[in-house]
Structures are given as structure tokens and as C-alpha cells.
Amino acid sequence: MNLVVEAQAQAELNDARDYYLEHASANIARAFLEQFERAVNLLRMHPALGTPVSARLRKLPLRRFPYWLIYRLHGETLSILAVAHQRRRPGYWSRWR
């Protein structure tokens, strides 16, 4: 399965990593990135694993962190649209589809 991490999702991933580096530790930031990679690998093997949020979009929580991966499947492509904090306004990423 092909993977596309959209620019806005990459920016959110980087922002979250930077937040953990500044306010927690390098180990926590590294654990966050490892959980992101784990979730992406899991989705590549089981793309329908996440919860549907619309007809085309699904979400999967990151373990141990308050973030959702918002993603779309299109054929053999898995597109990560957002790395959304769970307290952020729901659906803010819907305009990025």
C-alpha cells in the first residue's frame, strides 16, 4: 500500500514533536513519533481499522497520546490528512479533503 502524508499532516506531526521536545523530553518526542509510525504500519496492513468519520474519511487514535490520525483510502493509497489533537475542534481538517 502506498503512503502519502499530506503537507498539513506533516506540519501537525512536526508541531506535536516540537511541543513534546520543548515541554516534556526527547524521549517523549521520540515515543510520539514511534507511535505515529506504529499506527501508519498498522493501517498499511489493516486499512479499514479506523473508525469512519465520513463516507471517505476514517480516524485512528495514537496509543498513549491524545492524537487522531485522520486518513483516507483511495485504491492502494493511504493518505494521512491530519495528525489531529483530540481537543482541537472536531472536523477542522474536513476542508483539507
Protein backbone atom coordinates (compact mmCIF):
# COMPACT_ATOMS: atom_id res chain seq x y z
CA MET A 1 0.00 0.00 0.00
CA ASN A 2 1.30 3.43 -0.96
CA LEU A 3 1.53 6.08 1.75
CA VAL A 4 1.03 9.82 1.33
CA VAL A 5 1.45 12.13 4.32
CA GLU A 6 -0.18 15.38 3.24
CA ALA A 7 1.74 18.61 3.95
CA GLN A 8 -0.66 19.79 6.65
CA ALA A 9 -0.44 16.42 8.43
CA GLN A 10 3.36 16.54 8.30
CA ALA A 11 3.26 20.07 9.74
CA GLU A 12 1.00 18.90 12.58
CA LEU A 13 3.27 15.94 13.26
CA ASN A 14 6.30 18.24 13.41
CA ASP A 15 4.46 20.71 15.67
CA ALA A 16 3.47 17.96 18.10
CA ARG A 17 7.00 16.56 18.14
CA ASP A 18 8.40 20.04 18.81
CA TYR A 19 5.88 20.56 21.61
CA TYR A 20 6.97 17.33 23.31
CA LEU A 21 10.64 18.24 22.85
CA GLU A 22 10.09 21.64 24.47
CA HIS A 23 7.62 20.73 27.22
CA ALA A 24 8.43 17.09 28.00
CA SER A 25 11.62 15.38 26.80
CA ALA A 26 13.39 13.98 23.79
CA ASN A 27 12.28 10.51 24.90
CA ILE A 28 8.61 11.52 24.89
CA ALA A 29 9.02 13.18 21.48
CA ARG A 30 10.66 10.02 20.16
CA ALA A 31 7.87 7.87 21.64
CA PHE A 32 5.31 10.08 19.92
CA LEU A 33 6.99 9.59 16.54
CA GLU A 34 7.27 5.85 17.19
CA GLN A 35 3.54 5.67 17.90
CA PHE A 36 2.85 7.55 14.67
CA GLU A 37 4.98 5.04 12.73
CA ARG A 38 3.31 2.13 14.52
CA ALA A 39 -0.15 3.44 13.63
CA VAL A 40 0.81 4.01 9.99
CA ASN A 41 2.24 0.49 9.71
CA LEU A 42 -0.89 -0.94 11.30
CA LEU A 43 -3.07 0.96 8.81
CA ARG A 44 -0.99 -0.27 5.90
CA MET A 45 -1.76 -3.84 6.96
CA HIS A 46 -5.36 -3.21 8.06
CA PRO A 47 -6.58 -0.03 6.33
CA ALA A 48 -10.20 -0.35 7.49
CA LEU A 49 -9.14 -0.49 11.15
CA GLY A 50 -10.02 3.13 11.96
CA THR A 51 -13.43 4.49 12.86
CA PRO A 52 -15.38 6.11 9.99
CA VAL A 53 -15.87 9.87 10.39
CA SER A 54 -17.48 10.40 6.99
CA ALA A 55 -18.11 8.47 3.80
CA ARG A 56 -14.45 8.81 2.76
CA LEU A 57 -12.51 9.50 5.97
CA ARG A 58 -11.50 7.42 8.97
CA LYS A 59 -9.64 8.10 12.21
CA LEU A 60 -7.30 6.03 14.35
CA PRO A 61 -6.05 7.10 17.80
CA LEU A 62 -2.37 7.11 18.64
CA ARG A 63 -1.66 4.96 21.69
CA ARG A 64 -0.58 6.93 24.79
CA PHE A 65 -1.03 10.30 23.06
CA PRO A 66 -4.14 12.49 22.60
CA TYR A 67 -4.00 12.49 18.80
CA TRP A 68 -6.01 11.01 15.95
CA LEU A 69 -4.66 10.07 12.56
CA ILE A 70 -7.26 11.25 10.06
CA TYR A 71 -6.87 9.33 6.83
CA ARG A 72 -8.45 8.43 3.52
CA LEU A 73 -8.15 5.31 1.41
CA HIS A 74 -8.19 5.58 -2.35
CA GLY A 75 -7.41 2.35 -4.13
CA GLU A 76 -3.97 1.26 -2.95
CA THR A 77 -3.12 4.67 -1.45
CA LEU A 78 -3.36 5.56 2.22
CA SER A 79 -3.38 9.34 2.66
CA ILE A 80 -2.81 10.82 6.11
CA LEU A 81 -4.72 14.12 6.09
CA ALA A 82 -4.24 15.25 9.68
CA VAL A 83 -2.50 14.44 12.93
CA ALA A 84 -5.28 15.98 14.99
CA HIS A 85 -5.13 16.71 18.70
CA GLN A 86 -8.24 15.21 20.28
CA ARG A 87 -9.14 18.50 22.00
CA ARG A 88 -8.99 20.53 18.83
CA ARG A 89 -12.26 21.49 17.14
CA PRO A 90 -13.61 18.30 15.55
CA GLY A 91 -13.68 18.33 11.79
CA TYR A 92 -11.31 21.29 11.28
CA TRP A 93 -9.41 19.08 8.81
CA SER A 94 -12.51 18.36 6.69
CA ARG A 95 -11.76 21.36 4.46
CA TRP A 96 -8.43 19.71 3.53
CA ARG A 97 -10.04 16.77 1.74
